[in-house]
Protein backbone atom coordinates (compact mmCIF):
# COMPACT_ATOMS: atom_id res chain seq x y z
CA UNK A 1 -11.06 8.46 -1.64
CA UNK A 2 -10.47 5.06 -3.31
CA UNK A 3 -7.39 3.64 -4.38
CA UNK A 4 -8.24 4.25 -7.87
CA UNK A 5 -8.48 7.81 -7.41
CA UNK A 6 -5.14 7.94 -5.66
CA UNK A 7 -3.53 5.95 -8.53
CA UNK A 8 -4.91 8.60 -10.86
CA UNK A 9 -3.20 11.43 -9.24
CA UNK A 10 0.24 10.10 -7.97
CA UNK A 11 2.89 8.50 -9.95
CA UNK A 12 1.89 4.83 -8.94
CA UNK A 13 2.34 1.56 -10.84
CA UNK A 14 -0.12 -0.96 -10.29
CA UNK A 15 1.37 -4.48 -10.15
CA UNK A 16 -1.47 -6.46 -8.46
CA UNK A 17 -4.90 -6.38 -7.45
CA UNK A 18 -6.18 -4.13 -10.37
CA UNK A 19 -9.60 -5.62 -10.08
CA UNK A 20 -9.81 -4.36 -6.34
CA UNK A 21 -8.93 -0.50 -6.73
CA UNK A 22 -12.32 0.44 -5.72
CA UNK A 23 -11.43 -0.01 -2.24
CA UNK A 24 -11.91 3.02 -0.06
CA UNK A 25 -9.01 4.43 2.00
CA UNK A 26 -9.92 5.68 5.35
CA UNK A 27 -6.43 6.52 6.49
CA UNK A 28 -2.68 5.76 5.97
CA UNK A 29 0.32 4.16 7.80
CA UNK A 30 3.96 4.14 7.04
CA UNK A 31 6.43 1.75 8.60
CA UNK A 32 8.94 -0.83 7.45
CA UNK A 33 8.14 -2.90 10.72
CA UNK A 34 5.59 -5.57 9.98
CA UNK A 35 4.74 -5.83 13.58
CA UNK A 36 3.96 -1.91 13.85
CA UNK A 37 1.51 -2.36 10.74
CA UNK A 38 -0.05 -5.61 12.47
CA UNK A 39 -0.54 -3.75 15.86
CA UNK A 40 -1.54 -0.14 14.56
CA UNK A 41 -2.61 0.17 11.16
CA UNK A 42 -6.13 0.64 10.80
CA UNK A 43 -8.23 -1.40 8.58
CA UNK A 44 -8.90 0.06 5.17
CA UNK A 45 -5.41 1.98 5.33
CA UNK A 46 -3.03 2.61 2.70
CA UNK A 47 0.41 1.39 3.76
CA UNK A 48 3.61 2.74 2.54
CA UNK A 49 6.76 0.36 2.93
CA UNK A 50 9.96 -0.30 1.41
CA UNK A 51 9.78 -4.00 1.91
CA UNK A 52 9.31 -6.09 -1.04
CA UNK A 53 8.90 -9.66 0.33
CA UNK A 54 5.76 -11.65 0.39
CA UNK A 55 5.06 -11.14 4.23
CA UNK A 56 3.72 -7.56 3.27
CA UNK A 57 0.97 -9.39 1.62
CA UNK A 58 0.18 -11.45 4.54
CA UNK A 59 0.08 -8.47 6.78
CA UNK A 60 -2.07 -6.31 4.53
CA UNK A 61 -4.48 -9.18 4.68
CA UNK A 62 -4.33 -9.76 8.36
CA UNK A 63 -4.91 -5.89 9.06
CA UNK A 64 -7.46 -5.63 6.22
CA UNK A 65 -5.68 -2.97 4.35
CA UNK A 66 -6.90 -1.16 1.00
CA UNK A 67 -3.52 -1.33 -0.49
CA UNK A 68 0.26 -1.23 -0.29
CA UNK A 69 2.62 1.18 -1.92
CA UNK A 70 6.28 -0.02 -2.02
CA UNK A 71 8.16 3.09 -2.19
CA UNK A 72 11.83 4.24 -3.06
CA UNK A 73 11.98 2.18 -6.14
CA UNK A 74 12.12 -0.90 -3.86
CA UNK A 75 12.01 -4.12 -5.83
CA UNK A 76 9.33 -6.45 -5.56
CA UNK A 77 9.82 -10.35 -5.20
CA UNK A 78 8.02 -12.16 -7.95
CA UNK A 79 6.39 -14.51 -5.17
CA UNK A 80 5.21 -11.14 -3.66
CA UNK A 81 3.40 -10.09 -6.94
CA UNK A 82 2.01 -13.69 -7.36
CA UNK A 83 0.71 -13.97 -3.79
CA UNK A 84 -0.70 -10.50 -3.93
CA UNK A 85 -2.71 -11.22 -6.87
CA UNK A 86 -4.02 -14.59 -5.71
CA UNK A 87 -5.19 -12.61 -2.65
CA UNK A 88 -6.67 -9.77 -4.09
CA UNK A 89 -4.45 -7.34 -2.34
CA UNK A 90 -3.59 -3.96 -4.32
CA UNK A 91 0.00 -3.76 -4.63
CA UNK A 92 1.65 -0.45 -5.96
CA UNK A 93 5.25 0.85 -6.59
CA UNK A 94 6.78 4.18 -6.66
CA UNK A 95 10.14 5.63 -7.46
CA UNK A 96 9.02 8.47 -4.77
CA UNK A 97 10.49 8.15 -1.31
CA UNK A 98 8.36 6.98 1.60
CA UNK A 99 8.35 10.54 2.96
CA UNK A 100 7.10 12.11 -0.44
CA UNK A 101 4.29 9.60 -0.82
CA UNK A 102 3.13 10.27 2.92
CA UNK A 103 3.20 13.88 2.17
CA UNK A 104 1.21 13.70 -1.01
CA UNK A 105 -1.38 11.47 0.31
CA UNK A 106 -1.79 14.26 3.22
CA UNK A 107 -2.40 16.75 0.66
CA UNK A 108 -4.85 14.69 -0.88
CA UNK A 109 -6.70 14.36 2.57
CA UNK A 110 -5.51 10.95 3.55
CA UNK A 111 -4.47 11.11 7.43
CA UNK A 112 -3.12 8.81 9.85
CA UNK A 113 -5.49 6.53 12.10
């Protein structure tokens, strides 16, 4: 499944990286602890978080993630959007809770690493 396919199905807003949505999603990961994501998220995962600061972009780059979903209506800082755009990181937002997003991704066949 690609990021673009997930965006077509789930209520997600693309805020950065629209030109990179052809990335394949191999698994999913949910955490708000950046060190957990760096240590345990598999490459090409879609990451669900409620963090909105620019460090999420650095973590996504370091871990080689397919996309980041900022859930729960959490607000993104403007420098986060700018950094994601510059680095080619797909950054998505949703009003759904992290729990709901994870469940819906699971229904679509996205599993944990």
